[in-house]
Amino acid sequence: MIFLIPLILIVIFGPSLWVKYVLNKHTKHIDSLDGTGSELALHLIDRFKLDGVKLKKGKKDEDYYDPQNKIVSLSPEAFDGQSLTAVAVAAHEIGHAIQFYKKEPVSLLREKYLSKAHKIQHYGVMFLMASPLLGLVFRIPHLALLTIAIGIITMIASVLMYVAILPEEFDASFNKAMPILSEGYITQEQLPIVRKILRACALTYVAGSLADILRLWRWLAMIR
């Protein structure tokens, strides 16, 4: 059984570490690029006439598109960086803005599944926090087994909800950002690298949700 621990850790943390590795590896400044990630994002907002969409400089790892407030957030590395990671991340987030602006069917996946993932995590953690008290008050038989089962179901269901939005993420990367960048924003030699970066962008949510499983083990350890 102890030999399974490294395998479990690889499954949980491997994707997240791979995403971070790919994004960090290609943050080197490149003079031949036309500008920074923020400059590209502003250019694309104007080019695709995304009226009302605004750009902001977020905190570290805050690369996302907020459809409710129509805000593209880029982390300092992507906002100020003039690198392949910066332009790829910027194009990916603008890809999301295009999805929502055009009201494409794929843009409905986030609203449908991401909110459910957050609710599942919220209520699952609430139950894990309350389970010791429930055991004292109601004397529930086999509460420990029930707690473990609910904890595992909570995290698995959450991961599956994140998997459900993958079509939206891959669309933003490979149906939006990749065609845009291949029009001349980057060279042909840089395309394979950018493809890897965009794949990492698409897998960010799922990789992060897998890493969240660690929270489950912390709660279960505390309860035990």
Protein backbone atom coordinates (compact mmCIF):
# COMPACT_ATOMS: atom_id res chain seq x y z
CA MET A 1 0.00 0.00 0.00
CA ILE A 2 2.82 2.39 0.84
CA PHE A 3 4.13 2.02 -2.71
CA LEU A 4 0.91 3.60 -4.01
CA ILE A 5 1.60 6.89 -2.22
CA PRO A 6 4.12 8.23 -4.81
CA LEU A 7 1.71 7.28 -7.61
CA ILE A 8 -1.17 9.07 -5.88
CA LEU A 9 0.97 12.18 -5.37
CA ILE A 10 1.97 12.15 -9.05
CA VAL A 11 -1.68 11.93 -10.12
CA ILE A 12 -2.69 14.75 -7.77
CA PHE A 13 0.21 17.16 -8.22
CA GLY A 14 1.72 16.07 -11.55
CA PRO A 15 -0.67 18.00 -13.85
CA SER A 16 -0.46 21.19 -11.78
CA LEU A 17 3.34 21.05 -11.65
CA TRP A 18 3.48 20.39 -15.39
CA VAL A 19 1.26 23.40 -16.13
CA LYS A 20 3.43 25.68 -13.96
CA TYR A 21 6.61 24.28 -15.49
CA VAL A 22 5.46 24.91 -19.06
CA LEU A 23 4.24 28.45 -18.33
CA ASN A 24 7.36 29.41 -16.35
CA LYS A 25 9.76 27.87 -18.85
CA HIS A 26 8.78 30.26 -21.63
CA THR A 27 8.66 33.60 -19.79
CA LYS A 28 11.98 34.76 -21.27
CA HIS A 29 11.85 38.23 -22.84
CA ILE A 30 11.86 38.12 -26.67
CA ASP A 31 12.68 41.35 -28.48
CA SER A 32 11.22 40.15 -31.79
CA LEU A 33 7.69 39.99 -30.38
CA ASP A 34 5.57 43.01 -31.20
CA GLY A 35 4.70 43.80 -27.59
CA THR A 36 3.70 42.63 -24.15
CA GLY A 37 0.75 40.46 -23.22
CA SER A 38 -1.30 43.50 -22.23
CA GLU A 39 -0.53 45.28 -25.49
CA LEU A 40 -1.62 42.22 -27.45
CA ALA A 41 -4.79 41.90 -25.38
CA LEU A 42 -5.73 45.55 -25.97
CA HIS A 43 -5.01 45.15 -29.67
CA LEU A 44 -7.24 42.05 -29.89
CA ILE A 45 -10.05 43.72 -27.94
CA ASP A 46 -9.99 46.49 -30.52
CA ARG A 47 -9.50 44.16 -33.48
CA PHE A 48 -12.47 41.94 -32.62
CA LYS A 49 -14.56 44.92 -31.47
CA LEU A 50 -15.21 43.47 -28.03
CA ASP A 51 -17.15 46.50 -26.83
CA GLY A 52 -17.24 46.85 -23.06
CA VAL A 53 -14.45 44.34 -22.43
CA LYS A 54 -11.78 45.82 -20.17
CA LEU A 55 -8.27 44.72 -19.27
CA LYS A 56 -6.79 44.77 -15.77
CA LYS A 57 -3.52 43.79 -14.18
CA GLY A 58 -4.23 41.06 -11.67
CA LYS A 59 -2.14 39.48 -8.95
CA LYS A 60 0.13 36.47 -9.39
CA ASP A 61 -1.63 33.61 -11.22
CA GLU A 62 -4.72 35.77 -11.79
CA ASP A 63 -5.17 35.00 -15.48
CA TYR A 64 -8.86 34.73 -16.26
CA TYR A 65 -11.85 36.24 -18.02
CA ASP A 66 -14.76 37.46 -15.89
CA PRO A 67 -17.85 37.26 -18.13
CA GLN A 68 -20.14 39.05 -15.67
CA ASN A 69 -18.00 42.19 -15.49
CA LYS A 70 -16.40 41.70 -18.94
CA ILE A 71 -12.88 41.91 -17.52
CA VAL A 72 -9.77 40.20 -18.82
CA SER A 73 -7.33 39.80 -15.94
CA LEU A 74 -3.67 39.10 -16.64
CA SER A 75 -1.08 38.30 -14.00
CA PRO A 76 1.95 40.67 -13.82
CA GLU A 77 4.03 38.13 -15.77
CA ALA A 78 1.51 38.02 -18.59
CA PHE A 79 0.54 41.70 -18.40
CA ASP A 80 4.05 43.16 -18.51
CA GLY A 81 5.90 40.24 -20.06
CA GLN A 82 7.07 40.18 -23.65
CA SER A 83 7.40 36.43 -23.91
CA LEU A 84 5.71 33.45 -25.54
CA THR A 85 3.89 32.66 -22.30
CA ALA A 86 2.66 36.25 -21.99
CA VAL A 87 1.23 36.47 -25.50
CA ALA A 88 -0.22 32.93 -25.37
CA VAL A 89 -1.96 33.56 -22.03
CA ALA A 90 -3.27 36.91 -23.25
CA ALA A 91 -4.62 35.36 -26.46
CA HIS A 92 -6.21 32.50 -24.50
CA GLU A 93 -8.09 34.86 -22.17
CA ILE A 94 -9.17 37.03 -25.10
CA GLY A 95 -10.40 33.76 -26.65
CA HIS A 96 -12.76 33.42 -23.69
CA ALA A 97 -13.88 37.01 -24.14
CA ILE A 98 -14.70 36.25 -27.79
CA GLN A 99 -16.69 33.15 -26.76
CA PHE A 100 -18.86 35.11 -24.35
CA TYR A 101 -19.16 38.20 -26.52
CA LYS A 102 -20.46 36.09 -29.42
CA LYS A 103 -22.58 34.02 -27.00
CA GLU A 104 -21.18 30.79 -28.41
CA PRO A 105 -22.72 27.58 -27.00
CA VAL A 106 -19.36 26.52 -25.58
CA SER A 107 -19.40 29.57 -23.29
CA LEU A 108 -22.37 28.10 -21.39
CA LEU A 109 -20.25 25.27 -19.98
CA ARG A 110 -18.53 27.47 -17.40
CA GLU A 111 -21.80 28.86 -16.04
CA LYS A 112 -23.35 25.39 -15.93
CA TYR A 113 -20.53 23.38 -14.40
CA LEU A 114 -18.05 25.72 -12.69
CA SER A 115 -20.66 27.07 -10.28
CA LYS A 116 -21.67 23.50 -9.46
CA ALA A 117 -18.05 22.59 -8.77
CA HIS A 118 -17.76 25.49 -6.32
CA LYS A 119 -20.99 24.46 -4.57
CA ILE A 120 -19.91 20.84 -4.30
CA GLN A 121 -16.60 21.90 -2.75
CA HIS A 122 -18.34 24.35 -0.40
CA TYR A 123 -20.94 21.93 0.96
CA GLY A 124 -18.48 19.05 1.08
CA VAL A 125 -16.03 21.02 3.20
CA MET A 126 -18.89 22.26 5.41
CA PHE A 127 -19.92 18.67 6.10
CA LEU A 128 -16.34 17.65 6.88
CA MET A 129 -16.06 20.54 9.34
CA ALA A 130 -19.38 19.70 10.98
CA SER A 131 -19.01 15.90 11.08
CA PRO A 132 -17.27 15.72 14.50
CA LEU A 133 -20.10 17.76 16.05
CA LEU A 134 -22.74 15.68 14.26
CA GLY A 135 -21.14 12.54 15.65
CA LEU A 136 -21.30 13.87 19.22
CA VAL A 137 -24.89 15.12 18.97
CA PHE A 138 -26.63 12.46 16.88
CA ARG A 139 -24.43 9.41 17.51
CA ILE A 140 -24.51 8.51 13.82
CA PRO A 141 -23.30 4.91 13.25
CA HIS A 142 -20.17 4.53 11.14
CA LEU A 143 -19.80 8.31 10.89
CA ALA A 144 -16.10 7.99 10.06
CA LEU A 145 -16.82 5.85 7.01
CA LEU A 146 -19.62 8.18 5.95
CA THR A 147 -17.33 11.19 6.31
CA ILE A 148 -14.60 9.58 4.23
CA ALA A 149 -17.11 8.57 1.54
CA ILE A 150 -18.61 12.07 1.33
CA GLY A 151 -15.16 13.64 1.27
CA ILE A 152 -14.02 11.43 -1.61
CA ILE A 153 -17.28 11.92 -3.53
CA THR A 154 -17.00 15.68 -3.03
CA MET A 155 -13.54 15.94 -4.54
CA ILE A 156 -14.20 13.47 -7.38
CA ALA A 157 -17.41 15.26 -8.33
CA SER A 158 -15.61 18.59 -8.20
CA VAL A 159 -12.85 17.34 -10.52
CA LEU A 160 -15.43 15.95 -12.96
CA MET A 161 -17.18 19.33 -13.06
CA TYR A 162 -13.88 20.95 -14.01
CA VAL A 163 -13.34 18.29 -16.67
CA ALA A 164 -16.75 19.22 -18.10
CA ILE A 165 -15.53 22.73 -18.98
CA LEU A 166 -12.51 21.43 -20.92
CA PRO A 167 -14.25 21.96 -24.30
CA GLU A 168 -14.52 25.67 -23.47
CA GLU A 169 -10.87 25.83 -22.46
CA PHE A 170 -9.62 23.97 -25.54
CA ASP A 171 -11.80 26.13 -27.77
CA ALA A 172 -10.23 29.27 -26.29
CA SER A 173 -6.76 27.83 -26.84
CA PHE A 174 -6.99 26.06 -30.19
CA ASN A 175 -9.99 27.55 -32.00
CA LYS A 176 -9.31 31.12 -30.91
CA ALA A 177 -5.79 31.85 -29.62
CA MET A 178 -3.81 29.49 -31.86
CA PRO A 179 -5.29 30.69 -35.17
CA ILE A 180 -4.89 34.32 -34.06
CA LEU A 181 -1.25 33.96 -33.04
CA SER A 182 -0.36 31.95 -36.16
CA GLU A 183 -1.42 34.88 -38.36
CA GLY A 184 1.96 36.48 -37.84
CA TYR A 185 2.08 37.45 -34.19
CA ILE A 186 4.68 34.70 -33.70
CA THR A 187 7.03 32.87 -36.04
CA GLN A 188 6.52 29.38 -37.46
CA GLU A 189 9.37 28.11 -35.30
CA GLN A 190 7.58 29.36 -32.18
CA LEU A 191 4.27 27.67 -32.99
CA PRO A 192 5.08 24.27 -31.37
CA ILE A 193 6.10 26.00 -28.13
CA VAL A 194 2.99 28.16 -28.10
CA ARG A 195 0.87 25.07 -28.71
CA LYS A 196 2.29 23.53 -25.52
CA ILE A 197 1.64 26.74 -23.59
CA LEU A 198 -1.96 26.90 -24.81
CA ARG A 199 -2.47 23.27 -23.85
CA ALA A 200 -1.25 24.14 -20.36
CA CYS A 201 -3.65 27.10 -20.28
CA ALA A 202 -6.54 24.81 -21.19
CA LEU A 203 -5.67 22.35 -18.42
CA THR A 204 -5.13 24.93 -15.67
CA TYR A 205 -8.55 24.46 -14.03
CA VAL A 206 -8.43 20.67 -14.03
CA ALA A 207 -4.84 20.63 -12.76
CA GLY A 208 -5.78 23.01 -9.97
CA SER A 209 -8.82 20.95 -8.98
CA LEU A 210 -6.68 17.81 -8.71
CA ALA A 211 -4.28 19.66 -6.42
CA ASP A 212 -7.28 20.66 -4.26
CA ILE A 213 -7.69 17.00 -3.32
CA LEU A 214 -4.95 17.64 -0.76
CA ARG A 215 -7.53 19.61 1.22
CA LEU A 216 -9.58 16.46 1.55
CA TRP A 217 -6.72 14.56 3.17
CA ARG A 218 -6.09 17.45 5.57
CA TRP A 219 -9.70 17.48 6.73
CA LEU A 220 -9.83 13.70 7.06
CA ALA A 221 -6.59 13.72 9.06
CA MET A 222 -8.01 16.37 11.40
CA ILE A 223 -11.25 14.43 11.85
CA ARG A 224 -9.41 11.18 12.49
